[in-house]
Amino acid sequence: MNYVYIELLGCAKNQVDAEVMLRHLEGTGNWAYTESPGNADLILVHTCGFIESAREESIGALLELKSAFPRTRIIMTGCLAQHYAREISDELTEADGLFGNRDLSLIAEAAEAAMLGNRPVTVPEEFHEPQVLRDRLFSYPGSAYVKLSEGCSHHCSYCAIPLIRGELRSRETRDVADEVRTLIDRGVKEINLIAQDLASFGTDQGESRFIPLLETLEGLSGDLSIRMLYIHPDSFPQELLDLVAQSQKILPYFDIPFQHASAAVLRSMGRRGDADAYLELISSIRQRLPDSVIRSTFMVGFPGEGEEEYEELLKFVSRAQADWAGCFIYSREEGTPAFGMRGEREHRRMLKQMKARKAALEQLQQEITVRRMENWVGRKLDVLIEEAIPGEDIAIGRAFLQAPEVDGSTVVLTRDGSPGEKVSCLITRCNGIDLEAVPLQASGSTR
């Protein structure tokens, strides 16, 4: 029996791919998973290739692991391997193989080749996506990601996702429902639906099937919460609000990556909206769903963003009052339409300014988030426990307003919290962006 360890980098979609690869490996009967790289015969460094900083982190992780475990075979997998295999195959000799993400069923074959010292470079051009039920989840207990589609057809000018993962390819509604039903049977209480744009689900085959899918999932039996991650603001379906308002399972949590507020910058990005349209969308959500939570992402430094455009963005962030938001610096990605909008020398010259803008926006958003979190003090909420702290009467978990990995946490003052359990709590105080809570003796009316 050989043992495999997976160094997981990048987004939730990457995590699902890693879980699928592990299922293929364990399905051969020749591989078992280990949580320690020191015990592994093979390490998969599952990489992100979305932006330059992610690529640097991915290569750094591989080099660090190879230095620590020089005798262990290491394969670079994921987006970086898929998109840049030709460029890095000869230079990155520390990798004992490269494996892309367009046919995950080939991972066992690549792993065996690497163990024999053959240094496989497996980067198929064609996609092959059989539905594989995952045995092991890398999420905390009680939570799982479910991928609705692969790729994206929005073609934002800065984005390399269509180059890496291709055009939109949606799953069948029945397959998604069957997977969710299986996860419920395994004790999963929180389903996080993911895609580059959930609202585009099914549009590659005609009209959007996102609302019908949610209605199907709403009809499943069991204690289940459904969180929606990533809805493109230009394709947000207004009928979603009525569905969420009536739902017992779909959380009023909306992850909407606005990216910017200046109409000129947004047009250059290949987006149709503007500050007024996006503020109107936020207003419609909060009017229909007063307890809704909004997360977004913003980009600074995109070509054409001068002081005036940046001030527009800051003003928008102040008016939007998103509960959560991330910010990142524009990255020049070769092959994207935006790549030629600014030369590399100018881009490097502007990095200091872009970092300053990012820091200022993050500080503004931090202040907004703290104020938004204070609104939950005194409320009753269900908290999904992620981990109990040994030797202390506390457990760490998340309420519906906190998505895994990216938002804050809820600290529950209890000695009885078990990972994967939902506990009805009273929110007692706000500690920065995190909440503190105590269990209720009887369940209240919570989301």
Foldseek 3Di string as FASTA:
>chain_A
DFEEEEQQDDDQVLQVLVLQLQCLQVVVVPYDYDPDLVRGLEYEQAADDWFDVRVVVSLVVLVVSCVVPVNHAYEYEEQCLQQCVVPCVVPPPSHLEYYYRQESNCSNVQVVCSSVSNHYRHHDPHHDDDDDAGDDGPAFAQEGEDEFWWADDLQFQQTCRCVRTNYIDGDDLVSSLVNVLVVQVVQRAEYEYDDQALQCHCVVVPHGCNVVSVVSNLPDDHRHAYEYAHHELQRDDLVVLVVCLPGPHYALEEEYAPQFAPCVLCVNRSHDDHLVSVLVVLVSSCVSPVPHAYEYEYEPDQQPDDPVRLVRRLVSCVSSLHLYYYYDYRGQDPPGNSNPSDDPVVSVVCVVVRVVSRVVSVVVNLVSNLVVVQVQAQPKFKWQFRADDPPAQWTKTDTSNADPPGAAIEIERGNPDDHSDIFIWHFHGGDRNYTYTYGDPDHDDYD
